[in-house]
Amino acid sequence: MRESQHKKLTRSASDRILAGVFGGFGKYFNCSPNIFRVAYVILSILSGIVPGIIIYIIMMVIIPPDPTHPGILGFFRAINDMQQGSDSTSADSRSRRTLTDVEEKDIKRNGRS
């Protein structure tokens, strides 16, 4: 009983066809995800294809990915984090220049008073 209280519904990284939604349902309810897939296809055909696709996209967005295998999105986030960490200091140094040994007479000589 305690084990079911600590389970979280996540999209499966290993048992997936598109986004792992029904693989996550199968893992959460401890049954075959093919049951959910067949039921989804039947209900989608009976209600029209478009509502079924919209519901699947909503489930794909709402249900978080498996934290142990974040998939391609986690890969891109890690790359983005690495780039932001290394580029933030170099971008600041490129956009800001430091002037040294500047005197007021140098500015007046160039016509800027």
PDB file of N, CA and C in Angstrom:
ATOM      1  N   MET A   1       0.818  -1.192   0.000  1.00  0.00           N
ATOM      2  CA  MET A   1       0.000   0.000   0.000  1.00  0.00           C
ATOM      3  C   MET A   1       0.861   1.255   0.000  1.00  0.00           C
ATOM      4  N   ARG A   2       1.930   1.276   0.788  1.00  0.00           N
ATOM      5  CA  ARG A   2       2.806   2.446   0.828  1.00  0.00           C
ATOM      6  C   ARG A   2       3.513   2.661  -0.497  1.00  0.00           C
ATOM      7  N   GLU A   3       3.795   1.575  -1.198  1.00  0.00           N
ATOM      8  CA  GLU A   3       4.501   1.697  -2.467  1.00  0.00           C
ATOM      9  C   GLU A   3       3.678   2.478  -3.480  1.00  0.00           C
ATOM     10  N   SER A   4       2.361   2.295  -3.498  1.00  0.00           N
ATOM     11  CA  SER A   4       1.517   3.004  -4.449  1.00  0.00           C
ATOM     12  C   SER A   4       1.401   4.483  -4.105  1.00  0.00           C
ATOM     13  N   GLN A   5       1.594   4.864  -2.835  1.00  0.00           N
ATOM     14  CA  GLN A   5       1.519   6.261  -2.450  1.00  0.00           C
ATOM     15  C   GLN A   5       2.726   7.048  -2.947  1.00  0.00           C
ATOM     16  N   HIS A   6       3.854   6.405  -3.132  1.00  0.00           N
ATOM     17  CA  HIS A   6       5.070   7.097  -3.545  1.00  0.00           C
ATOM     18  C   HIS A   6       5.300   7.054  -5.053  1.00  0.00           C
ATOM     19  N   LYS A   7       4.453   6.367  -5.793  1.00  0.00           N
ATOM     20  CA  LYS A   7       4.611   6.309  -7.240  1.00  0.00           C
ATOM     21  C   LYS A   7       4.162   7.623  -7.863  1.00  0.00           C
ATOM     22  N   LYS A   8       4.868   8.025  -8.915  1.00  0.00           N
ATOM     23  CA  LYS A   8       4.479   9.196  -9.687  1.00  0.00           C
ATOM     24  C   LYS A   8       4.243   8.765 -11.124  1.00  0.00           C
ATOM     25  N   LEU A   9       3.243   9.351 -11.723  1.00  0.00           N
ATOM     26  CA  LEU A   9       2.961   9.074 -13.121  1.00  0.00           C
ATOM     27  C   LEU A   9       3.932   9.881 -13.976  1.00  0.00           C
ATOM     28  N   THR A  10       4.771   9.195 -14.728  1.00  0.00           N
ATOM     29  CA  THR A  10       5.724   9.834 -15.628  1.00  0.00           C
ATOM     30  C   THR A  10       5.658   9.135 -16.977  1.00  0.00           C
ATOM     31  N   ARG A  11       6.115   9.838 -18.003  1.00  0.00           N
ATOM     32  CA  ARG A  11       6.200   9.215 -19.323  1.00  0.00           C
ATOM     33  C   ARG A  11       7.380   8.254 -19.340  1.00  0.00           C
ATOM     34  N   SER A  12       7.177   7.105 -19.911  1.00  0.00           N
ATOM     35  CA  SER A  12       8.206   6.079 -19.933  1.00  0.00           C
ATOM     36  C   SER A  12       9.280   6.407 -20.965  1.00  0.00           C
ATOM     37  N   ALA A  13      10.521   6.148 -20.589  1.00  0.00           N
ATOM     38  CA  ALA A  13      11.624   6.358 -21.525  1.00  0.00           C
ATOM     39  C   ALA A  13      11.959   5.076 -22.269  1.00  0.00           C
ATOM     40  N   SER A  14      11.649   3.942 -21.678  1.00  0.00           N
ATOM     41  CA  SER A  14      12.030   2.673 -22.293  1.00  0.00           C
ATOM     42  C   SER A  14      10.883   2.029 -23.075  1.00  0.00           C
ATOM     43  N   ASP A  15       9.650   2.146 -22.592  1.00  0.00           N
ATOM     44  CA  ASP A  15       8.508   1.516 -23.242  1.00  0.00           C
ATOM     45  C   ASP A  15       7.663   2.599 -23.905  1.00  0.00           C
ATOM     46  N   ARG A  16       8.089   3.006 -25.086  1.00  0.00           N
ATOM     47  CA  ARG A  16       7.407   4.101 -25.752  1.00  0.00           C
ATOM     48  C   ARG A  16       7.266   3.820 -27.237  1.00  0.00           C
ATOM     49  N   ILE A  17       6.205   4.396 -27.803  1.00  0.00           N
ATOM     50  CA  ILE A  17       6.035   4.364 -29.248  1.00  0.00           C
ATOM     51  C   ILE A  17       6.198   5.788 -29.774  1.00  0.00           C
ATOM     52  N   LEU A  18       5.478   6.745 -29.175  1.00  0.00           N
ATOM     53  CA  LEU A  18       5.660   8.151 -29.547  1.00  0.00           C
ATOM     54  C   LEU A  18       6.332   8.912 -28.409  1.00  0.00           C
ATOM     55  N   ALA A  19       5.568   9.204 -27.360  1.00  0.00           N
ATOM     56  CA  ALA A  19       6.112  10.016 -26.279  1.00  0.00           C
ATOM     57  C   ALA A  19       6.213   9.259 -24.959  1.00  0.00           C
ATOM     58  N   GLY A  20       5.778   8.015 -24.924  1.00  0.00           N
ATOM     59  CA  GLY A  20       5.869   7.222 -23.703  1.00  0.00           C
ATOM     60  C   GLY A  20       4.726   7.423 -22.736  1.00  0.00           C
ATOM     61  N   VAL A  21       3.631   8.020 -23.198  1.00  0.00           N
ATOM     62  CA  VAL A  21       2.492   8.287 -22.312  1.00  0.00           C
ATOM     63  C   VAL A  21       1.883   6.984 -21.815  1.00  0.00           C
ATOM     64  N   PHE A  22       1.556   6.089 -22.730  1.00  0.00           N
ATOM     65  CA  PHE A  22       0.897   4.851 -22.322  1.00  0.00           C
ATOM     66  C   PHE A  22       1.872   3.878 -21.668  1.00  0.00           C
ATOM     67  N   GLY A  23       3.150   3.977 -21.978  1.00  0.00           N
ATOM     68  CA  GLY A  23       4.156   3.205 -21.238  1.00  0.00           C
ATOM     69  C   GLY A  23       4.203   3.647 -19.789  1.00  0.00           C
ATOM     70  N   GLY A  24       4.045   4.948 -19.558  1.00  0.00           N
ATOM     71  CA  GLY A  24       3.983   5.477 -18.195  1.00  0.00           C
ATOM     72  C   GLY A  24       2.741   5.020 -17.462  1.00  0.00           C
ATOM     73  N   PHE A  25       1.594   5.000 -18.172  1.00  0.00           N
ATOM     74  CA  PHE A  25       0.367   4.493 -17.551  1.00  0.00           C
ATOM     75  C   PHE A  25       0.518   3.018 -17.182  1.00  0.00           C
ATOM     76  N   GLY A  26       1.122   2.240 -18.079  1.00  0.00           N
ATOM     77  CA  GLY A  26       1.319   0.824 -17.798  1.00  0.00           C
ATOM     78  C   GLY A  26       2.221   0.596 -16.598  1.00  0.00           C
ATOM     79  N   LYS A  27       3.270   1.384 -16.487  1.00  0.00           N
ATOM     80  CA  LYS A  27       4.174   1.261 -15.346  1.00  0.00           C
ATOM     81  C   LYS A  27       3.487   1.702 -14.051  1.00  0.00           C
ATOM     82  N   TYR A  28       2.698   2.768 -14.128  1.00  0.00           N
ATOM     83  CA  TYR A  28       2.027   3.288 -12.942  1.00  0.00           C
ATOM     84  C   TYR A  28       0.976   2.315 -12.416  1.00  0.00           C
ATOM     85  N   PHE A  29       0.183   1.734 -13.343  1.00  0.00           N
ATOM     86  CA  PHE A  29      -0.871   0.797 -12.931  1.00  0.00           C
ATOM     87  C   PHE A  29      -0.401  -0.650 -12.913  1.00  0.00           C
ATOM     88  N   ASN A  30       0.868  -0.896 -13.210  1.00  0.00           N
ATOM     89  CA  ASN A  30       1.480  -2.224 -13.154  1.00  0.00           C
ATOM     90  C   ASN A  30       0.747  -3.221 -14.064  1.00  0.00           C
ATOM     91  N   CYS A  31       0.530  -2.808 -15.315  1.00  0.00           N
ATOM     92  CA  CYS A  31      -0.057  -3.704 -16.304  1.00  0.00           C
ATOM     93  C   CYS A  31       0.560  -3.381 -17.665  1.00  0.00           C
ATOM     94  N   SER A  32       0.128  -4.103 -18.656  1.00  0.00           N
ATOM     95  CA  SER A  32       0.696  -3.917 -19.995  1.00  0.00           C
ATOM     96  C   SER A  32       0.230  -2.591 -20.598  1.00  0.00           C
ATOM     97  N   PRO A  33       1.146  -1.798 -21.134  1.00  0.00           N
ATOM     98  CA  PRO A  33       0.735  -0.545 -21.768  1.00  0.00           C
ATOM     99  C   PRO A  33      -0.032  -0.765 -23.068  1.00  0.00           C
ATOM    100  N   ASN A  34       0.050  -1.974 -23.631  1.00  0.00           N
ATOM    101  CA  ASN A  34      -0.680  -2.265 -24.865  1.00  0.00           C
ATOM    102  C   ASN A  34      -2.191  -2.196 -24.644  1.00  0.00           C
ATOM    103  N   ILE A  35      -2.651  -2.501 -23.439  1.00  0.00           N
ATOM    104  CA  ILE A  35      -4.076  -2.393 -23.119  1.00  0.00           C
ATOM    105  C   ILE A  35      -4.517  -0.933 -23.272  1.00  0.00           C
ATOM    106  N   PHE A  36      -3.729  -0.011 -22.741  1.00  0.00           N
ATOM    107  CA  PHE A  36      -4.054   1.406 -22.855  1.00  0.00           C
ATOM    108  C   PHE A  36      -3.963   1.880 -24.310  1.00  0.00           C
ATOM    109  N   ARG A  37      -2.998   1.373 -25.035  1.00  0.00           N
ATOM    110  CA  ARG A  37      -2.831   1.776 -26.436  1.00  0.00           C
ATOM    111  C   ARG A  37      -4.023   1.339 -27.291  1.00  0.00           C
ATOM    112  N   VAL A  38      -4.454   0.092 -27.105  1.00  0.00           N
ATOM    113  CA  VAL A  38      -5.588  -0.413 -27.876  1.00  0.00           C
ATOM    114  C   VAL A  38      -6.860   0.346 -27.500  1.00  0.00           C
ATOM    115  N   ALA A  39      -7.074   0.575 -26.204  1.00  0.00           N
ATOM    116  CA  ALA A  39      -8.257   1.322 -25.768  1.00  0.00           C
ATOM    117  C   ALA A  39      -8.229   2.744 -26.326  1.00  0.00           C
ATOM    118  N   TYR A  40      -7.063   3.364 -26.349  1.00  0.00           N
ATOM    119  CA  TYR A  40      -6.926   4.722 -26.887  1.00  0.00           C
ATOM    120  C   TYR A  40      -7.257   4.755 -28.375  1.00  0.00           C
ATOM    121  N   VAL A  41      -6.759   3.806 -29.129  1.00  0.00           N
ATOM    122  CA  VAL A  41      -7.018   3.771 -30.571  1.00  0.00           C
ATOM    123  C   VAL A  41      -8.508   3.563 -30.831  1.00  0.00           C
ATOM    124  N   ILE A  42      -9.124   2.656 -30.100  1.00  0.00           N
ATOM    125  CA  ILE A  42     -10.565   2.397 -30.291  1.00  0.00           C
ATOM    126  C   ILE A  42     -11.381   3.635 -29.950  1.00  0.00           C
ATOM    127  N   LEU A  43     -11.077   4.266 -28.809  1.00  0.00           N
ATOM    128  CA  LEU A  43     -11.820   5.468 -28.420  1.00  0.00           C
ATOM    129  C   LEU A  43     -11.550   6.631 -29.376  1.00  0.00           C
ATOM    130  N   SER A  44     -10.363   6.730 -29.894  1.00  0.00           N
ATOM    131  CA  SER A  44     -10.058   7.794 -30.854  1.00  0.00           C
ATOM    132  C   SER A  44     -10.839   7.608 -32.149  1.00  0.00           C
ATOM    133  N   ILE A  45     -10.937   6.376 -32.606  1.00  0.00           N
ATOM    134  CA  ILE A  45     -11.683   6.110 -33.840  1.00  0.00           C
ATOM    135  C   ILE A  45     -13.166   6.379 -33.631  1.00  0.00           C
ATOM    136  N   LEU A  46     -13.707   5.982 -32.480  1.00  0.00           N
ATOM    137  CA  LEU A  46     -15.130   6.191 -32.214  1.00  0.00           C
ATOM    138  C   LEU A  46     -15.489   7.668 -32.033  1.00  0.00           C
ATOM    139  N   SER A  47     -14.572   8.454 -31.467  1.00  0.00           N
ATOM    140  CA  SER A  47     -14.880   9.862 -31.211  1.00  0.00           C
ATOM    141  C   SER A  47     -14.379  10.782 -32.325  1.00  0.00           C
ATOM    142  N   GLY A  48     -13.700  10.236 -33.262  1.00  0.00           N
ATOM    143  CA  GLY A  48     -13.079  11.055 -34.308  1.00  0.00           C
ATOM    144  C   GLY A  48     -11.591  11.134 -34.011  1.00  0.00           C
ATOM    145  N   ILE A  49     -10.805  11.232 -35.005  1.00  0.00           N
ATOM    146  CA  ILE A  49      -9.357  11.170 -34.840  1.00  0.00           C
ATOM    147  C   ILE A  49      -8.808  12.423 -34.156  1.00  0.00           C
ATOM    148  N   VAL A  50      -9.308  13.595 -34.505  1.00  0.00           N
ATOM    149  CA  VAL A  50      -8.742  14.857 -34.018  1.00  0.00           C
ATOM    150  C   VAL A  50      -8.820  14.995 -32.494  1.00  0.00           C
ATOM    151  N   PRO A  51      -9.976  14.702 -31.851  1.00  0.00           N
ATOM    152  CA  PRO A  51      -9.993  14.812 -30.383  1.00  0.00           C
ATOM    153  C   PRO A  51      -9.000  13.864 -29.703  1.00  0.00           C
ATOM    154  N   GLY A  52      -8.809  12.696 -30.260  1.00  0.00           N
ATOM    155  CA  GLY A  52      -7.848  11.751 -29.696  1.00  0.00           C
ATOM    156  C   GLY A  52      -6.425  12.270 -29.787  1.00  0.00           C
ATOM    157  N   ILE A  53      -6.092  12.906 -30.898  1.00  0.00           N
ATOM    158  CA  ILE A  53      -4.750  13.475 -31.066  1.00  0.00           C
ATOM    159  C   ILE A  53      -4.551  14.630 -30.091  1.00  0.00           C
ATOM    160  N   ILE A  54      -5.558  15.470 -29.941  1.00  0.00           N
ATOM    161  CA  ILE A  54      -5.458  16.604 -29.017  1.00  0.00           C
ATOM    162  C   ILE A  54      -5.284  16.118 -27.585  1.00  0.00           C
ATOM    163  N   ILE A  55      -6.048  15.090 -27.203  1.00  0.00           N
ATOM    164  CA  ILE A  55      -5.925  14.551 -25.844  1.00  0.00           C
ATOM    165  C   ILE A  55      -4.543  13.963 -25.625  1.00  0.00           C
ATOM    166  N   TYR A  56      -3.992  13.276 -26.624  1.00  0.00           N
ATOM    167  CA  TYR A  56      -2.653  12.703 -26.486  1.00  0.00           C
ATOM    168  C   TYR A  56      -1.604  13.804 -26.328  1.00  0.00           C
ATOM    169  N   ILE A  57      -1.728  14.875 -27.094  1.00  0.00           N
ATOM    170  CA  ILE A  57      -0.775  15.983 -26.989  1.00  0.00           C
ATOM    171  C   ILE A  57      -0.870  16.636 -25.614  1.00  0.00           C
ATOM    172  N   ILE A  58      -2.085  16.796 -25.106  1.00  0.00           N
ATOM    173  CA  ILE A  58      -2.254  17.365 -23.759  1.00  0.00           C
ATOM    174  C   ILE A  58      -1.609  16.463 -22.715  1.00  0.00           C
ATOM    175  N   MET A  59      -1.815  15.144 -22.825  1.00  0.00           N
ATOM    176  CA  MET A  59      -1.185  14.215 -21.875  1.00  0.00           C
ATOM    177  C   MET A  59       0.330  14.263 -22.000  1.00  0.00           C
ATOM    178  N   MET A  60       0.840  14.406 -23.211  1.00  0.00           N
ATOM    179  CA  MET A  60       2.283  14.465 -23.429  1.00  0.00           C
ATOM    180  C   MET A  60       2.883  15.700 -22.764  1.00  0.00           C
ATOM    181  N   VAL A  61       2.141  16.805 -22.770  1.00  0.00           N
ATOM    182  CA  VAL A  61       2.642  18.041 -22.172  1.00  0.00           C
ATOM    183  C   VAL A  61       2.506  18.007 -20.654  1.00  0.00           C
ATOM    184  N   ILE A  62       1.398  17.470 -20.154  1.00  0.00           N
ATOM    185  CA  ILE A  62       1.121  17.489 -18.713  1.00  0.00           C
ATOM    186  C   ILE A  62       1.965  16.477 -17.947  1.00  0.00           C
ATOM    187  N   ILE A  63       2.081  15.265 -18.461  1.00  0.00           N
ATOM    188  CA  ILE A  63       2.797  14.203 -17.746  1.00  0.00           C
ATOM    189  C   ILE A  63       4.298  14.437 -17.907  1.00  0.00           C
ATOM    190  N   PRO A  64       5.032  14.547 -16.801  1.00  0.00           N
ATOM    191  CA  PRO A  64       6.474  14.815 -16.908  1.00  0.00           C
ATOM    192  C   PRO A  64       7.239  13.582 -17.387  1.00  0.00           C
ATOM    193  N   PRO A  65       8.408  13.782 -17.994  1.00  0.00           N
ATOM    194  CA  PRO A  65       9.211  12.634 -18.432  1.00  0.00           C
ATOM    195  C   PRO A  65       9.827  11.919 -17.239  1.00  0.00           C
ATOM    196  N   ASP A  66      10.271  10.716 -17.476  1.00  0.00           N
ATOM    197  CA  ASP A  66      10.935   9.926 -16.447  1.00  0.00           C
ATOM    198  C   ASP A  66      12.214  10.645 -16.018  1.00  0.00           C
ATOM    199  N   PRO A  67      12.364  10.984 -14.732  1.00  0.00           N
ATOM    200  CA  PRO A  67      13.538  11.757 -14.320  1.00  0.00           C
ATOM    201  C   PRO A  67      14.856  11.001 -14.476  1.00  0.00           C
ATOM    202  N   THR A  68      14.820   9.675 -14.478  1.00  0.00           N
ATOM    203  CA  THR A  68      16.062   8.927 -14.652  1.00  0.00           C
ATOM    204  C   THR A  68      16.502   8.898 -16.112  1.00  0.00           C
ATOM    205  N   HIS A  69      15.562   9.063 -17.040  1.00  0.00           N
ATOM    206  CA  HIS A  69      15.865   9.106 -18.476  1.00  0.00           C
ATOM    207  C   HIS A  69      15.102  10.277 -19.084  1.00  0.00           C
ATOM    208  N   PRO A  70      15.613  11.492 -19.016  1.00  0.00           N
ATOM    209  CA  PRO A  70      14.854  12.641 -19.508  1.00  0.00           C
ATOM    210  C   PRO A  70      14.680  12.688 -21.019  1.00  0.00           C
ATOM    211  N   GLY A  71      15.409  11.867 -21.757  1.00  0.00           N
ATOM    212  CA  GLY A  71      15.231  11.811 -23.198  1.00  0.00           C
ATOM    213  C   GLY A  71      15.922  12.955 -23.921  1.00  0.00           C
ATOM    214  N   ILE A  72      15.456  13.232 -25.115  1.00  0.00           N
ATOM    215  CA  ILE A  72      16.108  14.221 -25.970  1.00  0.00           C
ATOM    216  C   ILE A  72      15.931  15.624 -25.409  1.00  0.00           C
ATOM    217  N   LEU A  73      14.819  15.897 -24.766  1.00  0.00           N
ATOM    218  CA  LEU A  73      14.610  17.227 -24.193  1.00  0.00           C
ATOM    219  C   LEU A  73      15.599  17.487 -23.065  1.00  0.00           C
ATOM    220  N   GLY A  74      15.862  16.499 -22.243  1.00  0.00           N
ATOM    221  CA  GLY A  74      16.857  16.646 -21.187  1.00  0.00           C
ATOM    222  C   GLY A  74      18.251  16.846 -21.746  1.00  0.00           C
ATOM    223  N   PHE A  75      18.521  16.199 -22.871  1.00  0.00           N
ATOM    224  CA  PHE A  75      19.813  16.363 -23.532  1.00  0.00           C
ATOM    225  C   PHE A  75      19.997  17.809 -23.987  1.00  0.00           C
ATOM    226  N   PHE A  76      18.950  18.379 -24.614  1.00  0.00           N
ATOM    227  CA  PHE A  76      19.039  19.763 -25.074  1.00  0.00           C
ATOM    228  C   PHE A  76      19.112  20.743 -23.906  1.00  0.00           C
ATOM    229  N   ARG A  77      18.425  20.452 -22.814  1.00  0.00           N
ATOM    230  CA  ARG A  77      18.505  21.320 -21.636  1.00  0.00           C
ATOM    231  C   ARG A  77      19.914  21.306 -21.050  1.00  0.00           C
ATOM    232  N   ALA A  78      20.535  20.134 -21.015  1.00  0.00           N
ATOM    233  CA  ALA A  78      21.896  20.043 -20.477  1.00  0.00           C
ATOM    234  C   ALA A  78      22.879  20.819 -21.354  1.00  0.00           C
ATOM    235  N   ILE A  79      22.712  20.729 -22.656  1.00  0.00           N
ATOM    236  CA  ILE A  79      23.586  21.477 -23.564  1.00  0.00           C
ATOM    237  C   ILE A  79      23.366  22.974 -23.380  1.00  0.00           C
ATOM    238  N   ASN A  80      22.116  23.380 -23.261  1.00  0.00           N
ATOM    239  CA  ASN A  80      21.803  24.793 -23.066  1.00  0.00           C
ATOM    240  C   ASN A  80      22.385  25.312 -21.758  1.00  0.00           C
ATOM    241  N   ASP A  81      22.301  24.525 -20.692  1.00  0.00           N
ATOM    242  CA  ASP A  81      22.871  24.925 -19.404  1.00  0.00           C
ATOM    243  C   ASP A  81      24.383  25.077 -19.494  1.00  0.00           C
ATOM    244  N   MET A  82      25.026  24.154 -20.206  1.00  0.00           N
ATOM    245  CA  MET A  82      26.481  24.238 -20.353  1.00  0.00           C
ATOM    246  C   MET A  82      26.870  25.482 -21.148  1.00  0.00           C
ATOM    247  N   GLN A  83      26.123  25.782 -22.203  1.00  0.00           N
ATOM    248  CA  GLN A  83      26.444  26.949 -23.019  1.00  0.00           C
ATOM    249  C   GLN A  83      26.205  28.237 -22.254  1.00  0.00           C
ATOM    250  N   GLN A  84      25.152  28.305 -21.482  1.00  0.00           N
ATOM    251  CA  GLN A  84      24.879  29.516 -20.716  1.00  0.00           C
ATOM    252  C   GLN A  84      25.926  29.735 -19.645  1.00  0.00           C
ATOM    253  N   GLY A  85      26.416  28.675 -19.055  1.00  0.00           N
ATOM    254  CA  GLY A  85      27.436  28.806 -18.021  1.00  0.00           C
ATOM    255  C   GLY A  85      28.758  29.293 -18.572  1.00  0.00           C
ATOM    256  N   SER A  86      29.160  28.826 -19.739  1.00  0.00           N
ATOM    257  CA  SER A  86      30.453  29.226 -20.294  1.00  0.00           C
ATOM    258  C   SER A  86      30.366  30.512 -21.102  1.00  0.00           C
ATOM    259  N   ASP A  87      29.235  30.783 -21.737  1.00  0.00           N
ATOM    260  CA  ASP A  87      29.118  31.963 -22.587  1.00  0.00           C
ATOM    261  C   ASP A  87      28.770  33.223 -21.821  1.00  0.00           C
ATOM    262  N   SER A  88      28.271  33.120 -20.597  1.00  0.00           N
ATOM    263  CA  SER A  88      27.849  34.328 -19.890  1.00  0.00           C
ATOM    264  C   SER A  88      29.039  35.219 -19.553  1.00  0.00           C
ATOM    265  N   THR A  89      30.160  34.635 -19.191  1.00  0.00           N
ATOM    266  CA  THR A  89      31.331  35.451 -18.887  1.00  0.00           C
ATOM    267  C   THR A  89      31.985  35.973 -20.160  1.00  0.00           C
ATOM    268  N   SER A  90      32.040  35.162 -21.204  1.00  0.00           N
ATOM    269  CA  SER A  90      32.666  35.618 -22.440  1.00  0.00           C
ATOM    270  C   SER A  90      31.790  36.644 -23.156  1.00  0.00           C
ATOM    271  N   ALA A  91      30.476  36.537 -23.054  1.00  0.00           N
ATOM    272  CA  ALA A  91      29.594  37.520 -23.679  1.00  0.00           C
ATOM    273  C   ALA A  91      29.724  38.862 -22.981  1.00  0.00           C
ATOM    274  N   ASP A  92      29.878  38.864 -21.654  1.00  0.00           N
ATOM    275  CA  ASP A  92      30.065  40.115 -20.934  1.00  0.00           C
ATOM    276  C   ASP A  92      31.379  40.779 -21.319  1.00  0.00           C
ATOM    277  N   SER A  93      32.432  39.985 -21.468  1.00  0.00           N
ATOM    278  CA  SER A  93      33.725  40.571 -21.790  1.00  0.00           C
ATOM    279  C   SER A  93      33.754  41.101 -23.221  1.00  0.00           C
ATOM    280  N   ARG A  94      32.978  40.507 -24.125  1.00  0.00           N
ATOM    281  CA  ARG A  94      32.946  40.992 -25.495  1.00  0.00           C
ATOM    282  C   ARG A  94      32.112  42.261 -25.630  1.00  0.00           C
ATOM    283  N   SER A  95      31.062  42.404 -24.850  1.00  0.00           N
ATOM    284  CA  SER A  95      30.179  43.553 -25.012  1.00  0.00           C
ATOM    285  C   SER A  95      30.650  44.771 -24.222  1.00  0.00           C
ATOM    286  N   ARG A  96      31.521  44.585 -23.263  1.00  0.00           N
ATOM    287  CA  ARG A  96      31.979  45.696 -22.438  1.00  0.00           C
ATOM    288  C   ARG A  96      33.482  45.866 -22.578  1.00  0.00           C
ATOM    289  N   ARG A  97      33.910  47.086 -22.877  1.00  0.00           N
ATOM    290  CA  ARG A  97      35.336  47.363 -23.030  1.00  0.00           C
ATOM    291  C   ARG A  97      35.807  48.195 -21.854  1.00  0.00           C
ATOM    292  N   THR A  98      37.004  47.955 -21.434  1.00  0.00           N
ATOM    293  CA  THR A  98      37.600  48.717 -20.342  1.00  0.00           C
ATOM    294  C   THR A  98      38.687  49.606 -20.904  1.00  0.00           C
ATOM    295  N   LEU A  99      38.575  50.876 -20.617  1.00  0.00           N
ATOM    296  CA  LEU A  99      39.580  51.828 -21.072  1.00  0.00           C
ATOM    297  C   LEU A  99      40.553  52.105 -19.939  1.00  0.00           C
ATOM    298  N   THR A 100      41.821  52.152 -20.259  1.00  0.00           N
ATOM    299  CA  THR A 100      42.848  52.458 -19.261  1.00  0.00           C
ATOM    300  C   THR A 100      43.707  53.615 -19.745  1.00  0.00           C
ATOM    301  N   ASP A 101      44.259  54.348 -18.812  1.00  0.00           N
ATOM    302  CA  ASP A 101      45.148  55.471 -19.101  1.00  0.00           C
ATOM    303  C   ASP A 101      44.498  56.506 -20.030  1.00  0.00           C
ATOM    304  N   VAL A 102      43.278  56.876 -19.731  1.00  0.00           N
ATOM    305  CA  VAL A 102      42.573  57.876 -20.524  1.00  0.00           C
ATOM    306  C   VAL A 102      42.603  59.190 -19.755  1.00  0.00           C
ATOM    307  N   GLU A 103      42.977  60.244 -20.434  1.00  0.00           N
ATOM    308  CA  GLU A 103      43.003  61.562 -19.815  1.00  0.00           C
ATOM    309  C   GLU A 103      42.003  62.468 -20.508  1.00  0.00           C
ATOM    310  N   GLU A 104      41.617  63.516 -19.834  1.00  0.00           N
ATOM    311  CA  GLU A 104      40.614  64.420 -20.373  1.00  0.00           C
ATOM    312  C   GLU A 104      41.099  65.138 -21.629  1.00  0.00           C
ATOM    313  N   LYS A 105      42.352  65.412 -21.708  1.00  0.00           N
ATOM    314  CA  LYS A 105      42.863  66.105 -22.881  1.00  0.00           C
ATOM    315  C   LYS A 105      42.765  65.249 -24.136  1.00  0.00           C
ATOM    316  N   ASP A 106      42.791  63.918 -23.994  1.00  0.00           N
ATOM    317  CA  ASP A 106      42.630  63.050 -25.150  1.00  0.00           C
ATOM    318  C   ASP A 106      41.234  63.200 -25.744  1.00  0.00           C
ATOM    319  N   ILE A 107      40.246  63.350 -24.905  1.00  0.00           N
ATOM    320  CA  ILE A 107      38.868  63.472 -25.381  1.00  0.00           C
ATOM    321  C   ILE A 107      38.663  64.828 -26.052  1.00  0.00           C
ATOM    322  N   LYS A 108      39.206  65.880 -25.474  1.00  0.00           N
ATOM    323  CA  LYS A 108      39.039  67.216 -26.043  1.00  0.00           C
ATOM    324  C   LYS A 108      39.762  67.335 -27.370  1.00  0.00           C
ATOM    325  N   ARG A 109      40.856  66.638 -27.506  1.00  0.00           N
ATOM    326  CA  ARG A 109      41.629  66.697 -28.746  1.00  0.00           C
ATOM    327  C   ARG A 109      40.838  66.116 -29.918  1.00  0.00           C
ATOM    328  N   ASN A 110      39.987  65.147 -29.661  1.00  0.00           N
ATOM    329  CA  ASN A 110      39.212  64.514 -30.727  1.00  0.00           C
ATOM    330  C   ASN A 110      37.928  65.290 -31.051  1.00  0.00           C
ATOM    331  N   GLY A 111      37.710  66.411 -30.427  1.00  0.00           N
ATOM    332  CA  GLY A 111      36.545  67.215 -30.731  1.00  0.00           C
ATOM    333  C   GLY A 111      35.330  66.875 -29.907  1.00  0.00           C
ATOM    334  N   ARG A 112      35.492  66.113 -28.884  1.00  0.00           N
ATOM    335  CA  ARG A 112      34.355  65.746 -28.017  1.00  0.00           C
ATOM    336  C   ARG A 112      34.512  66.494 -26.697  1.00  0.00           C
ATOM    337  N   SER A 113      33.870  67.605 -26.548  1.00  0.00           N
ATOM    338  CA  SER A 113      34.012  68.340 -25.303  1.00  0.00           C
ATOM    339  C   SER A 113      32.795  68.285 -24.431  1.00  0.00           C
TER     340      SER A 113
END
